[in-house]
Amino acid sequence: MTKKELGIRSIEALKERYPEAICSLVASNPFELLVATRLSAQCTDARVNIVTPPMFAKYRTLEDYANADVKDIENFVRPCGFFRTKAKDIIGMAQKILTDFDGKVPDNIEDLTSLPGVGRKTANLICGDVYGKPAVVADTHLIRISNRIGLVNTKDPKKVELELKKILPPEESNDFCHRCVLFGREICTARKAKCDECNLNLFCKKKI
């Protein structure tokens, strides 16, 4: 079986388990999703979704964030960890989007990664979820699962992203990543995978 064939079979298996492929971060506009994704670094999505509603209720526009007191943003995002850096990045993102991108969240990897605190994982999420472009969000779940089923043989996030972009059908790549997150949390966990419940078991190269 080629890797592209394995990719198709993996996509279908995950579709069967998770018919809806959704991002677990809650946001009502592109900038809120950008902020939520930045906050999710080394923090659970569940906690981010608790932290962001009051901040999103207070800060409604890019101008609000660009002119915000960094201490106030710090107080909102403190439970997410690394709160000083994250607060500074949130304000910096808003300022740069206003000055360099006419107030619109960029729609490509290069421009997105020019924003403070935005790496390729976040940039891919925005490209896929906001702009509907082919995207591979190489988070820990995707990296672990892709290695276990033999789609890739590297734990380097950028290499995983670029290899999967060659393997997965473009129209399926973003949803595959979201399903891997759900699957990684529920079944193919890092510490103790539930192999008896796994419908990717036939492909798994590292059964536990």
Protein backbone atom coordinates (compact mmCIF):
# COMPACT_ATOMS: atom_id res chain seq x y z
CA MET A 1 0.00 0.00 0.00
CA THR A 2 1.38 3.41 -0.95
CA LYS A 3 1.35 6.29 1.51
CA LYS A 4 -1.32 8.05 -0.55
CA GLU A 5 -3.50 4.93 -0.38
CA LEU A 6 -2.84 4.69 3.34
CA GLY A 7 -3.80 8.33 3.68
CA ILE A 8 -7.13 7.75 1.93
CA ARG A 9 -7.93 4.71 4.08
CA SER A 10 -7.02 6.62 7.24
CA ILE A 11 -9.21 9.54 6.19
CA GLU A 12 -12.18 7.24 5.62
CA ALA A 13 -11.64 5.44 8.94
CA LEU A 14 -11.59 8.70 10.87
CA LYS A 15 -14.61 10.03 8.95
CA GLU A 16 -16.55 6.97 10.07
CA ARG A 17 -15.73 7.65 13.72
CA TYR A 18 -16.03 11.44 13.54
CA PRO A 19 -18.47 12.51 10.80
CA GLU A 20 -18.05 16.17 11.73
CA ALA A 21 -14.55 17.62 11.68
CA ILE A 22 -14.58 20.75 13.81
CA CYS A 23 -12.06 22.94 15.54
CA SER A 24 -12.48 22.73 19.32
CA LEU A 25 -11.52 26.38 19.85
CA VAL A 26 -14.50 28.72 20.07
CA ALA A 27 -14.28 32.02 18.18
CA SER A 28 -16.68 34.26 16.27
CA ASN A 29 -14.26 35.89 13.82
CA PRO A 30 -10.80 35.31 12.30
CA PHE A 31 -8.90 37.44 14.80
CA GLU A 32 -10.55 35.72 17.76
CA LEU A 33 -9.54 32.36 16.32
CA LEU A 34 -5.99 33.67 15.87
CA VAL A 35 -5.95 34.79 19.51
CA ALA A 36 -7.43 31.51 20.77
CA THR A 37 -4.90 29.49 18.81
CA ARG A 38 -2.03 31.56 20.19
CA LEU A 39 -3.32 30.97 23.71
CA SER A 40 -3.60 27.22 23.11
CA ALA A 41 0.18 26.84 22.94
CA GLN A 42 1.08 24.61 25.91
CA CYS A 43 -2.48 24.96 27.16
CA THR A 44 -5.61 22.88 26.60
CA ASP A 45 -8.30 24.07 24.23
CA ALA A 46 -10.83 23.53 27.01
CA ARG A 47 -9.07 26.04 29.24
CA VAL A 48 -8.71 28.53 26.38
CA ASN A 49 -12.46 28.33 25.80
CA ILE A 50 -13.03 29.24 29.45
CA VAL A 51 -10.57 32.15 29.38
CA THR A 52 -11.51 33.85 26.11
CA PRO A 53 -15.26 34.70 26.41
CA PRO A 54 -14.86 37.58 28.91
CA MET A 55 -11.89 38.97 26.97
CA PHE A 56 -13.74 38.69 23.66
CA ALA A 57 -16.72 40.44 25.25
CA LYS A 58 -14.56 43.40 26.32
CA TYR A 59 -12.30 43.64 23.26
CA ARG A 60 -14.41 43.59 20.11
CA THR A 61 -12.27 45.17 17.40
CA LEU A 62 -8.66 45.09 16.25
CA GLU A 63 -8.34 48.67 17.43
CA ASP A 64 -9.49 47.60 20.90
CA TYR A 65 -6.70 45.03 21.09
CA ALA A 66 -4.09 47.30 19.49
CA ASN A 67 -4.73 49.98 22.10
CA ALA A 68 -5.17 47.63 25.05
CA ASP A 69 -3.24 47.86 28.30
CA VAL A 70 -0.95 44.83 28.26
CA LYS A 71 -1.57 44.30 31.99
CA ASP A 72 -5.29 43.95 31.37
CA ILE A 73 -4.74 41.36 28.64
CA GLU A 74 -2.31 39.56 30.97
CA ASN A 75 -5.01 39.32 33.62
CA PHE A 76 -7.40 37.69 31.16
CA VAL A 77 -4.94 35.16 29.75
CA ARG A 78 -2.99 34.35 32.94
CA PRO A 79 -4.60 30.87 33.33
CA CYS A 80 -3.24 29.85 29.90
CA GLY A 81 0.39 30.06 31.00
CA PHE A 82 3.20 32.21 29.57
CA PHE A 83 0.69 35.01 29.97
CA ARG A 84 3.12 37.91 29.61
CA THR A 85 4.42 36.72 26.23
CA LYS A 86 0.97 35.78 25.02
CA ALA A 87 -0.54 39.12 26.03
CA LYS A 88 2.26 41.02 24.29
CA ASP A 89 1.79 38.90 21.16
CA ILE A 90 -1.98 39.47 21.07
CA ILE A 91 -1.53 43.23 21.11
CA GLY A 92 1.33 43.00 18.61
CA MET A 93 -0.73 40.87 16.23
CA ALA A 94 -3.55 43.39 16.23
CA GLN A 95 -1.17 46.31 15.65
CA LYS A 96 0.63 44.59 12.75
CA ILE A 97 -2.60 43.48 11.08
CA LEU A 98 -3.84 47.07 11.21
CA THR A 99 -0.63 48.64 9.92
CA ASP A 100 0.57 46.02 7.43
CA PHE A 101 -2.53 44.13 6.29
CA ASP A 102 -5.28 46.77 6.14
CA GLY A 103 -7.03 45.36 9.17
CA LYS A 104 -7.57 41.89 7.72
CA VAL A 105 -6.12 38.67 9.11
CA PRO A 106 -3.74 37.39 6.39
CA ASP A 107 -4.70 34.37 4.30
CA ASN A 108 -1.28 32.82 3.64
CA ILE A 109 1.45 31.14 5.66
CA GLU A 110 4.17 33.70 4.92
CA ASP A 111 2.18 36.72 6.06
CA LEU A 112 0.63 34.96 9.04
CA THR A 113 4.00 33.82 10.36
CA SER A 114 5.22 37.41 10.21
CA LEU A 115 2.81 38.20 13.04
CA PRO A 116 4.16 38.12 16.62
CA GLY A 117 3.91 34.67 18.17
CA VAL A 118 2.43 33.00 15.10
CA GLY A 119 4.10 29.81 13.91
CA ARG A 120 3.27 27.45 11.07
CA LYS A 121 0.77 25.44 13.13
CA THR A 122 -1.32 28.51 13.89
CA ALA A 123 -0.93 29.82 10.34
CA ASN A 124 -2.17 26.54 8.88
CA LEU A 125 -5.20 26.54 11.17
CA ILE A 126 -6.17 30.03 10.03
CA CYS A 127 -5.63 29.18 6.36
CA GLY A 128 -7.74 26.06 6.67
CA ASP A 129 -10.54 27.07 9.02
CA VAL A 130 -10.95 30.70 8.02
CA TYR A 131 -10.05 30.69 4.34
CA GLY A 132 -10.84 27.10 3.36
CA LYS A 133 -7.39 26.47 1.95
CA PRO A 134 -5.57 23.10 2.09
CA ALA A 135 -3.80 23.03 5.43
CA VAL A 136 -1.97 20.66 7.75
CA VAL A 137 -1.97 21.65 11.41
CA ALA A 138 0.96 19.68 12.79
CA ASP A 139 0.05 19.49 16.46
CA THR A 140 1.17 16.76 18.85
CA HIS A 141 -1.81 14.51 18.09
CA LEU A 142 -1.30 14.63 14.33
CA ILE A 143 2.42 14.03 14.68
CA ARG A 144 1.92 11.04 16.97
CA ILE A 145 -0.83 9.40 14.92
CA SER A 146 0.83 10.01 11.55
CA ASN A 147 3.98 8.31 12.81
CA ARG A 148 2.14 5.39 14.38
CA ILE A 149 0.23 4.54 11.21
CA GLY A 150 3.25 5.03 8.97
CA LEU A 151 2.30 8.15 7.04
CA VAL A 152 5.49 9.88 8.20
CA ASN A 153 8.67 8.94 9.98
CA THR A 154 9.62 12.20 11.67
CA LYS A 155 8.53 14.19 14.68
CA ASP A 156 9.65 17.52 13.27
CA PRO A 157 6.42 19.57 12.90
CA LYS A 158 7.40 21.33 9.67
CA LYS A 159 8.55 18.07 8.04
CA VAL A 160 5.31 16.36 9.10
CA GLU A 161 3.32 19.25 7.63
CA LEU A 162 5.15 19.22 4.30
CA GLU A 163 5.11 15.42 3.96
CA LEU A 164 1.40 15.16 4.69
CA LYS A 165 0.66 17.91 2.18
CA LYS A 166 2.17 15.61 -0.45
CA ILE A 167 0.20 12.58 0.75
CA LEU A 168 -3.28 13.81 1.69
CA PRO A 169 -5.83 15.05 -0.86
CA PRO A 170 -5.84 18.85 -0.49
CA GLU A 171 -9.59 19.00 0.07
CA GLU A 172 -9.32 16.51 2.95
CA SER A 173 -6.18 17.67 4.74
CA ASN A 174 -7.67 20.21 7.13
CA ASP A 175 -10.52 17.97 8.25
CA PHE A 176 -8.11 15.05 8.68
CA CYS A 177 -6.10 17.15 11.13
CA HIS A 178 -9.18 18.06 13.18
CA ARG A 179 -10.23 14.41 13.29
CA CYS A 180 -6.74 13.40 14.42
CA VAL A 181 -7.06 15.78 17.36
CA LEU A 182 -10.35 14.17 18.40
CA PHE A 183 -8.93 10.69 17.85
CA GLY A 184 -5.72 11.51 19.71
CA ARG A 185 -7.62 12.75 22.74
CA GLU A 186 -10.10 9.89 22.86
CA ILE A 187 -8.35 6.79 21.48
CA CYS A 188 -4.73 7.16 20.34
CA THR A 189 -3.46 8.90 23.45
CA ALA A 190 0.20 9.50 24.13
CA ARG A 191 0.43 7.49 27.36
CA LYS A 192 -2.00 4.61 26.95
CA ALA A 193 -3.65 4.15 23.59
CA LYS A 194 -6.94 2.26 23.48
CA CYS A 195 -5.83 -0.14 20.77
CA ASP A 196 -8.85 -2.41 21.21
CA GLU A 197 -11.12 0.51 20.25
CA CYS A 198 -8.93 1.80 17.41
CA ASN A 199 -10.23 1.59 13.84
CA LEU A 200 -6.75 2.49 12.54
CA ASN A 201 -5.27 -0.56 14.27
CA LEU A 202 -4.66 -2.42 11.00
CA PHE A 203 -2.32 0.35 9.88
CA CYS A 204 -0.57 0.95 13.19
CA LYS A 205 3.19 0.45 13.15
CA LYS A 206 3.66 1.03 16.87
CA LYS A 207 0.94 -0.85 18.66
CA ILE A 208 1.01 -0.43 22.39
